[in-house]
C-alpha atoms as a PDB file:
ATOM      1  CA  MET A   1     -92.420  52.408 131.419  1.00  0.00           C
ATOM      2  CA  PRO A   2     -92.992  50.175 128.336  1.00  0.00           C
ATOM      3  CA  TRP A   3     -90.191  49.484 125.867  1.00  0.00           C
ATOM      4  CA  ILE A   4     -90.002  48.796 122.132  1.00  0.00           C
ATOM      5  CA  THR A   5     -87.981  45.941 120.641  1.00  0.00           C
ATOM      6  CA  LEU A   6     -86.885  46.495 117.052  1.00  0.00           C
ATOM      7  CA  ILE A   7     -86.047  43.185 115.342  1.00  0.00           C
ATOM      8  CA  ILE A   8     -84.233  43.362 111.994  1.00  0.00           C
ATOM      9  CA  LYS A   9     -83.663  40.376 109.708  1.00  0.00           C
ATOM     10  CA  THR A  10     -80.210  40.324 108.155  1.00  0.00           C
ATOM     11  CA  ASP A  11     -77.301  38.089 107.147  1.00  0.00           C
ATOM     12  CA  ALA A  12     -73.852  37.282 108.502  1.00  0.00           C
ATOM     13  CA  ALA A  13     -72.219  40.085 106.508  1.00  0.00           C
ATOM     14  CA  HIS A  14     -74.306  42.824 108.116  1.00  0.00           C
ATOM     15  CA  ALA A  15     -75.256  41.516 111.583  1.00  0.00           C
ATOM     16  CA  GLU A  16     -72.397  42.984 113.612  1.00  0.00           C
ATOM     17  CA  LEU A  17     -72.473  46.293 111.748  1.00  0.00           C
ATOM     18  CA  LEU A  18     -76.205  46.582 112.406  1.00  0.00           C
ATOM     19  CA  SER A  19     -75.629  45.761 116.063  1.00  0.00           C
ATOM     20  CA  ASP A  20     -73.019  48.516 116.443  1.00  0.00           C
ATOM     21  CA  THR A  21     -75.176  51.016 114.553  1.00  0.00           C
ATOM     22  CA  LEU A  22     -78.241  50.327 116.709  1.00  0.00           C
ATOM     23  CA  MET A  23     -76.196  50.910 119.851  1.00  0.00           C
ATOM     24  CA  GLU A  24     -75.060  54.233 118.375  1.00  0.00           C
ATOM     25  CA  GLN A  25     -78.730  55.084 117.812  1.00  0.00           C
ATOM     26  CA  GLY A  26     -79.433  54.785 121.523  1.00  0.00           C
ATOM     27  CA  ALA A  27     -80.457  51.154 121.954  1.00  0.00           C
ATOM     28  CA  LEU A  28     -80.512  50.051 125.591  1.00  0.00           C
ATOM     29  CA  SER A  29     -79.334  46.580 124.574  1.00  0.00           C
ATOM     30  CA  VAL A  30     -78.705  44.635 121.357  1.00  0.00           C
ATOM     31  CA  ASP A  31     -78.795  40.899 120.692  1.00  0.00           C
ATOM     32  CA  ILE A  32     -77.828  38.836 117.612  1.00  0.00           C
ATOM     33  CA  HIS A  33     -79.491  35.444 117.260  1.00  0.00           C
ATOM     34  CA  ASP A  34     -80.432  32.787 114.720  1.00  0.00           C
ATOM     35  CA  ALA A  35     -83.661  33.761 112.925  1.00  0.00           C
ATOM     36  CA  ALA A  36     -84.446  30.036 112.602  1.00  0.00           C
ATOM     37  CA  ALA A  37     -83.853  29.198 116.250  1.00  0.00           C
ATOM     38  CA  ASP A  38     -85.955  26.319 117.616  1.00  0.00           C
ATOM     39  CA  THR A  39     -86.857  25.140 114.109  1.00  0.00           C
ATOM     40  CA  GLN A  40     -85.482  22.375 111.873  1.00  0.00           C
ATOM     41  CA  ASP A  41     -83.525  25.064 109.984  1.00  0.00           C
ATOM     42  CA  GLU A  42     -81.614  26.200 113.090  1.00  0.00           C
ATOM     43  CA  GLN A  43     -77.927  26.673 112.260  1.00  0.00           C
ATOM     44  CA  LEU A  44     -75.378  25.231 114.686  1.00  0.00           C
ATOM     45  CA  LEU A  45     -72.264  27.279 115.300  1.00  0.00           C
ATOM     46  CA  PHE A  46     -68.841  26.734 116.878  1.00  0.00           C
ATOM     47  CA  GLY A  47     -68.137  23.590 114.877  1.00  0.00           C
ATOM     48  CA  GLU A  48     -70.176  20.940 116.659  1.00  0.00           C
ATOM     49  CA  PRO A  49     -68.931  17.454 115.714  1.00  0.00           C
ATOM     50  CA  GLY A  50     -70.233  16.400 112.326  1.00  0.00           C
ATOM     51  CA  GLU A  51     -71.916  19.735 111.646  1.00  0.00           C
ATOM     52  CA  PRO A  52     -70.778  22.787 109.687  1.00  0.00           C
ATOM     53  CA  GLY A  53     -69.705  25.732 111.812  1.00  0.00           C
ATOM     54  CA  GLY A  54     -69.541  29.456 111.352  1.00  0.00           C
ATOM     55  CA  GLU A  55     -69.077  32.726 113.169  1.00  0.00           C
ATOM     56  CA  ILE A  56     -72.480  34.364 112.550  1.00  0.00           C
ATOM     57  CA  TRP A  57     -75.760  32.818 111.471  1.00  0.00           C
ATOM     58  CA  GLN A  58     -76.392  33.202 107.740  1.00  0.00           C
ATOM     59  CA  ASN A  59     -80.052  33.893 108.501  1.00  0.00           C
ATOM     60  CA  ALA A  60     -79.775  36.203 111.514  1.00  0.00           C
ATOM     61  CA  GLU A  61     -81.890  38.632 113.501  1.00  0.00           C
ATOM     62  CA  VAL A  62     -80.656  41.666 115.405  1.00  0.00           C
ATOM     63  CA  SER A  63     -82.901  42.741 118.299  1.00  0.00           C
ATOM     64  CA  ALA A  64     -82.549  46.186 119.865  1.00  0.00           C
ATOM     65  CA  LEU A  65     -84.419  47.477 122.906  1.00  0.00           C
ATOM     66  CA  PHE A  66     -85.476  51.162 122.944  1.00  0.00           C
ATOM     67  CA  ASN A  67     -87.447  53.450 125.212  1.00  0.00           C
ATOM     68  CA  GLN A  68     -91.054  53.948 124.103  1.00  0.00           C
ATOM     69  CA  GLU A  69     -90.272  57.534 123.057  1.00  0.00           C
ATOM     70  CA  ALA A  70     -87.735  56.393 120.434  1.00  0.00           C
ATOM     71  CA  ASP A  71     -88.399  57.498 116.858  1.00  0.00           C
ATOM     72  CA  ILE A  72     -88.228  54.107 115.162  1.00  0.00           C
ATOM     73  CA  ASP A  73     -88.670  55.522 111.639  1.00  0.00           C
ATOM     74  CA  GLU A  74     -85.723  57.855 112.122  1.00  0.00           C
ATOM     75  CA  ILE A  75     -83.636  55.074 113.632  1.00  0.00           C
ATOM     76  CA  LEU A  76     -84.371  52.832 110.640  1.00  0.00           C
ATOM     77  CA  ARG A  77     -83.359  55.546 108.189  1.00  0.00           C
ATOM     78  CA  ASN A  78     -80.080  56.106 110.059  1.00  0.00           C
ATOM     79  CA  VAL A  79     -79.394  52.383 110.251  1.00  0.00           C
ATOM     80  CA  THR A  80     -80.045  51.892 106.532  1.00  0.00           C
ATOM     81  CA  ARG A  81     -77.627  54.689 105.696  1.00  0.00           C
ATOM     82  CA  ALA A  82     -74.906  53.788 108.214  1.00  0.00           C
ATOM     83  CA  ALA A  83     -74.954  50.078 107.357  1.00  0.00           C
ATOM     84  CA  GLN A  84     -74.974  50.890 103.635  1.00  0.00           C
ATOM     85  CA  LEU A  85     -77.981  48.672 102.968  1.00  0.00           C
ATOM     86  CA  ASN A  86     -79.328  48.556  99.396  1.00  0.00           C
ATOM     87  CA  SER A  87     -82.938  48.626 100.592  1.00  0.00           C
ATOM     88  CA  ASP A  88     -84.967  49.199 103.725  1.00  0.00           C
ATOM     89  CA  PRO A  89     -84.401  46.391 106.228  1.00  0.00           C
ATOM     90  CA  ASP A  90     -86.995  43.697 106.909  1.00  0.00           C
ATOM     91  CA  TYR A  91     -88.078  44.375 110.462  1.00  0.00           C
ATOM     92  CA  ARG A  92     -90.818  43.943 113.034  1.00  0.00           C
ATOM     93  CA  LEU A  93     -91.646  45.560 116.364  1.00  0.00           C
ATOM     94  CA  MET A  94     -92.508  44.053 119.727  1.00  0.00           C
ATOM     95  CA  TYR A  95     -93.735  45.948 122.774  1.00  0.00           C
ATOM     96  CA  VAL A  96     -92.570  45.053 126.290  1.00  0.00           C
ATOM     97  CA  GLU A  97     -95.038  46.220 128.904  1.00  0.00           C
ATOM     98  CA  GLU A  98     -93.897  47.649 132.187  1.00  0.00           C
ATOM     99  CA  GLN A  99     -93.914  45.159 135.048  1.00  0.00           C
ATOM    100  CA  ASP A 100     -93.279  45.232 138.758  1.00  0.00           C
ATOM    101  CA  TRP A 101     -89.961  43.398 138.479  1.00  0.00           C
ATOM    102  CA  VAL A 102     -89.440  43.338 142.258  1.00  0.00           C
ATOM    103  CA  ARG A 103     -92.806  41.691 142.844  1.00  0.00           C
ATOM    104  CA  LEU A 104     -92.185  39.301 139.941  1.00  0.00           C
ATOM    105  CA  THR A 105     -88.851  38.241 141.447  1.00  0.00           C
ATOM    106  CA  GLN A 106     -90.310  37.892 144.922  1.00  0.00           C
ATOM    107  CA  SER A 107     -93.071  35.647 143.611  1.00  0.00           C
ATOM    108  CA  GLN A 108     -90.414  33.016 142.828  1.00  0.00           C
ATOM    109  CA  PHE A 109     -89.633  32.549 146.529  1.00  0.00           C
ATOM    110  CA  ASP A 110     -92.297  31.020 148.763  1.00  0.00           C
ATOM    111  CA  PRO A 111     -91.969  29.829 152.368  1.00  0.00           C
ATOM    112  CA  ILE A 112     -90.254  26.427 152.631  1.00  0.00           C
ATOM    113  CA  GLN A 113     -90.936  23.940 155.400  1.00  0.00           C
ATOM    114  CA  ILE A 114     -87.773  22.058 156.405  1.00  0.00           C
ATOM    115  CA  SER A 115     -89.255  20.091 159.288  1.00  0.00           C
ATOM    116  CA  GLN A 116     -92.278  20.142 161.542  1.00  0.00           C
ATOM    117  CA  ARG A 117     -90.761  23.000 163.538  1.00  0.00           C
ATOM    118  CA  LEU A 118     -88.449  24.763 161.035  1.00  0.00           C
ATOM    119  CA  TRP A 119     -89.494  27.129 158.205  1.00  0.00           C
ATOM    120  CA  ILE A 120     -87.675  29.454 155.801  1.00  0.00           C
ATOM    121  CA  VAL A 121     -89.740  32.583 155.159  1.00  0.00           C
ATOM    122  CA  PRO A 122     -88.777  35.389 152.699  1.00  0.00           C
ATOM    123  CA  THR A 123     -89.085  38.846 154.248  1.00  0.00           C
ATOM    124  CA  TRP A 124     -92.126  39.774 152.144  1.00  0.00           C
ATOM    125  CA  HIS A 125     -94.247  36.768 153.236  1.00  0.00           C
ATOM    126  CA  GLN A 126     -96.466  36.276 156.262  1.00  0.00           C
ATOM    127  CA  LEU A 127     -95.347  33.542 158.673  1.00  0.00           C
ATOM    128  CA  PRO A 128     -97.155  30.288 157.773  1.00  0.00           C
ATOM    129  CA  ASP A 129     -96.670  29.049 161.365  1.00  0.00           C
ATOM    130  CA  PRO A 130     -95.879  31.814 163.885  1.00  0.00           C
ATOM    131  CA  ALA A 131     -95.179  29.194 166.572  1.00  0.00           C
ATOM    132  CA  ALA A 132     -92.449  27.515 164.486  1.00  0.00           C
ATOM    133  CA  ILE A 133     -88.753  28.371 164.282  1.00  0.00           C
ATOM    134  CA  ASN A 134     -88.882  30.792 161.358  1.00  0.00           C
ATOM    135  CA  LEU A 135     -85.813  31.871 159.414  1.00  0.00           C
ATOM    136  CA  ILE A 136     -86.693  35.292 157.958  1.00  0.00           C
ATOM    137  CA  LEU A 137     -84.471  35.846 154.933  1.00  0.00           C
ATOM    138  CA  ASP A 138     -83.835  38.317 152.160  1.00  0.00           C
ATOM    139  CA  PRO A 139     -82.100  36.208 149.488  1.00  0.00           C
ATOM    140  CA  GLY A 140     -80.247  39.319 148.247  1.00  0.00           C
ATOM    141  CA  LEU A 141     -77.052  38.653 146.298  1.00  0.00           C
ATOM    142  CA  ALA A 142     -75.883  35.705 148.392  1.00  0.00           C
ATOM    143  CA  PHE A 143     -76.417  31.989 147.902  1.00  0.00           C
ATOM    144  CA  GLY A 144     -78.723  30.423 150.461  1.00  0.00           C
ATOM    145  CA  THR A 145     -82.438  31.058 149.940  1.00  0.00           C
ATOM    146  CA  GLY A 146     -83.220  27.575 151.224  1.00  0.00           C
ATOM    147  CA  SER A 147     -84.573  26.405 147.881  1.00  0.00           C
ATOM    148  CA  HIS A 148     -81.471  24.391 146.929  1.00  0.00           C
ATOM    149  CA  PRO A 149     -81.241  20.744 148.076  1.00  0.00           C
ATOM    150  CA  THR A 150     -77.783  21.241 149.612  1.00  0.00           C
ATOM    151  CA  THR A 151     -79.079  23.971 151.931  1.00  0.00           C
ATOM    152  CA  GLN A 152     -82.086  21.871 152.908  1.00  0.00           C
ATOM    153  CA  LEU A 153     -79.835  18.897 153.660  1.00  0.00           C
ATOM    154  CA  CYS A 154     -77.759  21.008 156.053  1.00  0.00           C
ATOM    155  CA  LEU A 155     -80.797  22.551 157.727  1.00  0.00           C
ATOM    156  CA  GLY A 156     -82.418  19.176 158.236  1.00  0.00           C
ATOM    157  CA  TRP A 157     -79.247  17.797 159.803  1.00  0.00           C
ATOM    158  CA  LEU A 158     -78.862  20.793 162.141  1.00  0.00           C
ATOM    159  CA  ASP A 159     -82.493  20.445 163.178  1.00  0.00           C
ATOM    160  CA  GLN A 160     -81.931  16.804 164.157  1.00  0.00           C
ATOM    161  CA  HIS A 161     -78.406  16.855 165.595  1.00  0.00           C
ATOM    162  CA  LEU A 162     -77.513  20.283 167.019  1.00  0.00           C
ATOM    163  CA  GLN A 163     -77.328  20.238 170.816  1.00  0.00           C
ATOM    164  CA  PRO A 164     -78.247  23.215 173.031  1.00  0.00           C
ATOM    165  CA  GLY A 165     -75.152  25.249 173.820  1.00  0.00           C
ATOM    166  CA  ASP A 166     -73.095  24.003 170.854  1.00  0.00           C
ATOM    167  CA  LYS A 167     -70.526  26.352 169.347  1.00  0.00           C
ATOM    168  CA  VAL A 168     -70.931  26.375 165.545  1.00  0.00           C
ATOM    169  CA  LEU A 169     -68.792  27.438 162.589  1.00  0.00           C
ATOM    170  CA  ASP A 170     -70.599  28.030 159.275  1.00  0.00           C
ATOM    171  CA  TYR A 171     -67.921  28.128 156.572  1.00  0.00           C
ATOM    172  CA  GLY A 172     -69.154  29.664 153.325  1.00  0.00           C
ATOM    173  CA  CYS A 173     -72.046  31.309 155.137  1.00  0.00           C
ATOM    174  CA  GLY A 174     -73.675  32.866 152.038  1.00  0.00           C
ATOM    175  CA  SER A 175     -76.923  34.458 153.200  1.00  0.00           C
ATOM    176  CA  GLY A 176     -76.239  33.313 156.781  1.00  0.00           C
ATOM    177  CA  ILE A 177     -79.120  30.844 156.705  1.00  0.00           C
ATOM    178  CA  LEU A 178     -77.265  27.986 158.424  1.00  0.00           C
ATOM    179  CA  ALA A 179     -75.697  30.227 161.060  1.00  0.00           C
ATOM    180  CA  ILE A 180     -79.060  31.814 161.861  1.00  0.00           C
ATOM    181  CA  ALA A 181     -80.729  28.405 162.004  1.00  0.00           C
ATOM    182  CA  ALA A 182     -78.053  27.155 164.406  1.00  0.00           C
ATOM    183  CA  LEU A 183     -78.642  30.054 166.787  1.00  0.00           C
ATOM    184  CA  LYS A 184     -82.412  29.639 166.678  1.00  0.00           C
ATOM    185  CA  LEU A 185     -81.992  25.905 167.287  1.00  0.00           C
ATOM    186  CA  GLY A 186     -80.040  26.542 170.478  1.00  0.00           C
ATOM    187  CA  ALA A 187     -76.362  27.122 169.613  1.00  0.00           C
ATOM    188  CA  SER A 188     -74.565  29.295 172.151  1.00  0.00           C
ATOM    189  CA  HIS A 189     -72.343  31.016 169.607  1.00  0.00           C
ATOM    190  CA  VAL A 190     -72.017  30.942 165.819  1.00  0.00           C
ATOM    191  CA  THR A 191     -69.251  32.205 163.558  1.00  0.00           C
ATOM    192  CA  GLY A 192     -69.942  32.599 159.839  1.00  0.00           C
ATOM    193  CA  ILE A 193     -67.034  32.947 157.406  1.00  0.00           C
ATOM    194  CA  ASP A 194     -67.179  33.750 153.692  1.00  0.00           C
ATOM    195  CA  ILE A 195     -64.652  35.020 151.153  1.00  0.00           C
ATOM    196  CA  ASP A 196     -67.373  37.109 149.449  1.00  0.00           C
ATOM    197  CA  PRO A 197     -67.965  40.482 151.166  1.00  0.00           C
ATOM    198  CA  GLN A 198     -71.500  40.632 149.727  1.00  0.00           C
ATOM    199  CA  ALA A 199     -72.258  37.335 151.469  1.00  0.00           C
ATOM    200  CA  VAL A 200     -70.930  38.632 154.792  1.00  0.00           C
ATOM    201  CA  LYS A 201     -73.052  41.776 154.448  1.00  0.00           C
ATOM    202  CA  ALA A 202     -76.165  39.722 153.617  1.00  0.00           C
ATOM    203  CA  SER A 203     -75.448  37.407 156.574  1.00  0.00           C
ATOM    204  CA  GLN A 204     -75.117  40.297 158.996  1.00  0.00           C
ATOM    205  CA  GLU A 205     -78.332  41.911 157.771  1.00  0.00           C
ATOM    206  CA  ASN A 206     -80.254  38.639 157.927  1.00  0.00           C
ATOM    207  CA  ALA A 207     -78.932  37.963 161.445  1.00  0.00           C
ATOM    208  CA  LEU A 208     -80.243  41.316 162.655  1.00  0.00           C
ATOM    209  CA  ARG A 209     -83.543  40.672 160.881  1.00  0.00           C
ATOM    210  CA  ASN A 210     -83.868  37.442 162.878  1.00  0.00           C
ATOM    211  CA  ASN A 211     -82.822  39.014 166.203  1.00  0.00           C
ATOM    212  CA  CYS A 212     -79.640  36.957 166.050  1.00  0.00           C
ATOM    213  CA  ASP A 213     -77.149  39.776 166.549  1.00  0.00           C
ATOM    214  CA  SER A 214     -75.003  37.495 168.735  1.00  0.00           C
ATOM    215  CA  ALA A 215     -73.837  35.739 165.577  1.00  0.00           C
ATOM    216  CA  ARG A 216     -70.344  36.800 164.543  1.00  0.00           C
ATOM    217  CA  PHE A 217     -69.616  36.898 160.842  1.00  0.00           C
ATOM    218  CA  ALA A 218     -65.999  37.159 159.676  1.00  0.00           C
ATOM    219  CA  PHE A 219     -64.679  37.982 156.213  1.00  0.00           C
ATOM    220  CA  ALA A 220     -61.625  36.209 154.827  1.00  0.00           C
ATOM    221  CA  THR A 221     -60.151  36.898 151.391  1.00  0.00           C
ATOM    222  CA  THR A 222     -57.823  33.882 151.297  1.00  0.00           C
ATOM    223  CA  TYR A 223     -57.740  30.389 152.767  1.00  0.00           C
ATOM    224  CA  GLU A 224     -54.715  31.421 154.840  1.00  0.00           C
ATOM    225  CA  ALA A 225     -56.612  34.350 156.340  1.00  0.00           C
ATOM    226  CA  THR A 226     -59.457  31.979 157.118  1.00  0.00           C
ATOM    227  CA  GLU A 227     -57.053  29.695 158.968  1.00  0.00           C
ATOM    228  CA  ARG A 228     -55.842  32.615 161.092  1.00  0.00           C
ATOM    229  CA  ASN A 229     -59.463  33.317 162.081  1.00  0.00           C
ATOM    230  CA  LEU A 230     -59.844  29.800 163.493  1.00  0.00           C
ATOM    231  CA  GLN A 231     -57.718  29.684 166.627  1.00  0.00           C
ATOM    232  CA  PRO A 232     -57.457  26.396 168.610  1.00  0.00           C
ATOM    233  CA  SER A 233     -59.207  28.065 171.533  1.00  0.00           C
ATOM    234  CA  GLU A 234     -62.178  28.686 169.261  1.00  0.00           C
ATOM    235  CA  GLN A 235     -62.625  25.127 168.040  1.00  0.00           C
ATOM    236  CA  ALA A 236     -66.267  24.435 167.312  1.00  0.00           C
ATOM    237  CA  ASP A 237     -68.539  21.648 168.448  1.00  0.00           C
ATOM    238  CA  VAL A 238     -70.065  21.670 164.967  1.00  0.00           C
ATOM    239  CA  VAL A 239     -68.611  22.812 161.639  1.00  0.00           C
ATOM    240  CA  VAL A 240     -70.963  23.001 158.678  1.00  0.00           C
ATOM    241  CA  ALA A 241     -69.778  23.862 155.156  1.00  0.00           C
ATOM    242  CA  ASN A 242     -72.133  24.004 152.185  1.00  0.00           C
ATOM    243  CA  ILE A 243     -69.781  24.842 149.318  1.00  0.00           C
ATOM    244  CA  LEU A 244     -68.645  22.489 146.510  1.00  0.00           C
ATOM    245  CA  ALA A 245     -66.589  19.315 146.426  1.00  0.00           C
ATOM    246  CA  ASN A 246     -63.274  20.749 145.184  1.00  0.00           C
ATOM    247  CA  PRO A 247     -63.110  23.651 147.698  1.00  0.00           C
ATOM    248  CA  LEU A 248     -64.090  21.228 150.464  1.00  0.00           C
ATOM    249  CA  ILE A 249     -61.172  18.981 149.513  1.00  0.00           C
ATOM    250  CA  MET A 250     -58.791  21.957 149.476  1.00  0.00           C
ATOM    251  CA  LEU A 251     -60.084  23.208 152.829  1.00  0.00           C
ATOM    252  CA  ALA A 252     -59.977  19.832 154.583  1.00  0.00           C
ATOM    253  CA  PRO A 253     -57.002  20.550 156.906  1.00  0.00           C
ATOM    254  CA  ILE A 254     -58.425  23.951 157.905  1.00  0.00           C
ATOM    255  CA  LEU A 255     -61.937  22.689 158.574  1.00  0.00           C
ATOM    256  CA  ALA A 256     -60.638  19.638 160.423  1.00  0.00           C
ATOM    257  CA  GLN A 257     -58.540  21.883 162.668  1.00  0.00           C
ATOM    258  CA  ALA A 258     -61.634  23.974 163.448  1.00  0.00           C
ATOM    259  CA  VAL A 259     -63.506  21.005 164.984  1.00  0.00           C
ATOM    260  CA  ARG A 260     -62.837  19.988 168.597  1.00  0.00           C
ATOM    261  CA  PRO A 261     -62.119  16.308 169.358  1.00  0.00           C
ATOM    262  CA  GLN A 262     -65.402  14.370 169.273  1.00  0.00           C
ATOM    263  CA  GLY A 263     -66.985  17.334 167.505  1.00  0.00           C
ATOM    264  CA  HIS A 264     -69.133  17.036 164.375  1.00  0.00           C
ATOM    265  CA  ILE A 265     -68.627  18.131 160.765  1.00  0.00           C
ATOM    266  CA  ALA A 266     -71.322  18.365 158.067  1.00  0.00           C
ATOM    267  CA  LEU A 267     -70.331  18.908 154.432  1.00  0.00           C
ATOM    268  CA  SER A 268     -72.653  19.603 151.518  1.00  0.00           C
ATOM    269  CA  GLY A 269     -72.511  20.919 147.958  1.00  0.00           C
ATOM    270  CA  ILE A 270     -71.348  17.413 146.993  1.00  0.00           C
ATOM    271  CA  LEU A 271     -72.779  15.396 144.126  1.00  0.00           C
ATOM    272  CA  LYS A 272     -73.353  11.716 144.831  1.00  0.00           C
ATOM    273  CA  GLU A 273     -70.566  10.663 142.465  1.00  0.00           C
ATOM    274  CA  GLN A 274     -68.114  12.997 144.292  1.00  0.00           C
ATOM    275  CA  ALA A 275     -68.939  11.718 147.776  1.00  0.00           C
ATOM    276  CA  GLU A 276     -66.339   8.948 147.937  1.00  0.00           C
ATOM    277  CA  GLU A 277     -63.462  11.266 146.992  1.00  0.00           C
ATOM    278  CA  VAL A 278     -64.443  13.841 149.613  1.00  0.00           C
ATOM    279  CA  ARG A 279     -65.042  11.162 152.230  1.00  0.00           C
ATOM    280  CA  ASN A 280     -61.571   9.673 151.644  1.00  0.00           C
ATOM    281  CA  VAL A 281     -59.894  13.054 152.151  1.00  0.00           C
ATOM    282  CA  TYR A 282     -61.662  13.734 155.453  1.00  0.00           C
ATOM    283  CA  HIS A 283     -61.353  10.150 156.681  1.00  0.00           C
ATOM    284  CA  GLN A 284     -57.932  10.821 158.271  1.00  0.00           C
ATOM    285  CA  TRP A 285     -59.647  13.038 160.858  1.00  0.00           C
ATOM    286  CA  PHE A 286     -63.271  11.881 160.900  1.00  0.00           C
ATOM    287  CA  ALA A 287     -65.388   8.751 160.671  1.00  0.00           C
ATOM    288  CA  MET A 288     -67.361  10.004 157.662  1.00  0.00           C
ATOM    289  CA  HIS A 289     -70.571   8.691 156.132  1.00  0.00           C
ATOM    290  CA  ILE A 290     -73.404   9.851 153.881  1.00  0.00           C
ATOM    291  CA  ALA A 291     -76.065  11.153 156.256  1.00  0.00           C
ATOM    292  CA  SER A 292     -78.720  11.993 153.664  1.00  0.00           C
ATOM    293  CA  GLU A 293     -79.303  12.550 149.959  1.00  0.00           C
ATOM    294  CA  GLN A 294     -81.616  14.776 147.914  1.00  0.00           C
ATOM    295  CA  GLU A 295     -81.914  15.163 144.133  1.00  0.00           C
ATOM    296  CA  GLY A 296     -78.431  13.786 143.479  1.00  0.00           C
ATOM    297  CA  TRP A 297     -76.743  15.859 146.225  1.00  0.00           C
ATOM    298  CA  VAL A 298     -75.412  14.290 149.409  1.00  0.00           C
ATOM    299  CA  LEU A 299     -74.610  15.427 152.936  1.00  0.00           C
ATOM    300  CA  LEU A 300     -71.428  13.938 154.415  1.00  0.00           C
ATOM    301  CA  THR A 301     -71.098  14.019 158.204  1.00  0.00           C
ATOM    302  CA  GLY A 302     -68.552  12.724 160.677  1.00  0.00           C
ATOM    303  CA  ILE A 303     -67.228  12.808 164.236  1.00  0.00           C
ATOM    304  CA  LYS A 304     -63.633  13.884 164.848  1.00  0.00           C
ATOM    305  CA  ARG A 305     -61.355  11.256 166.301  1.00  0.00           C
END
């Protein structure tokens, strides 16, 4: 179904009142913006250093989205009256054609080749190489489509270093991509943990989609609950965590405890300038080093003493 966007030119004194009135007239959404945006007359707000500030642009536009059946003439009459305008507003109309939003979104995700034998393939694509190890994923609501450098760094490392029969912990499992890759690369057992229930659900669904139902995904709402899930008897041969630098620093004692002696840890989600700080924290348990780097992100790995 197409939509109509009604765009009204106004000033700071009337912008918010027009916005409220348009919502009352049935607008699906309303936006206030600078009418001179992206021109030399664009007005900076919020008091940028050396520039005048303000709360609303003096030369503003209010955009309202309506269903195609909306009576724009009637809406304009009601807006003029409710906003107590002295004359009919200066406006224009734009038409938004109906699109297949699902197909449009899917078109942003193409198969990604990680190595000669490892591919990431969205569920709606054909397999580029049926003989390869293919990770079939629905990106869903969880982080981990394989397009981000940090995910690719972890996948590349697993592809090169995981040994058949290894027991793996994927902390911050997101879509489950690393856990699923570990199983397909020969791990005997994988546990995925995430504090986001949507991520756990996406991981479980993606595991089934990849015939990896032996993967066990746990859900922890706090770091303490996570620690209770990692018993000494369940220490992993490999722990991989693709999160961010600050959570990795906070989680260091828990993740270190989860790795068996002489086991491996791989940490990503770390910017190059953060690597030394993270490395120093983990150095008390591991001999850490930068294993690889991509687009300013690094992968730190180490062996537990």
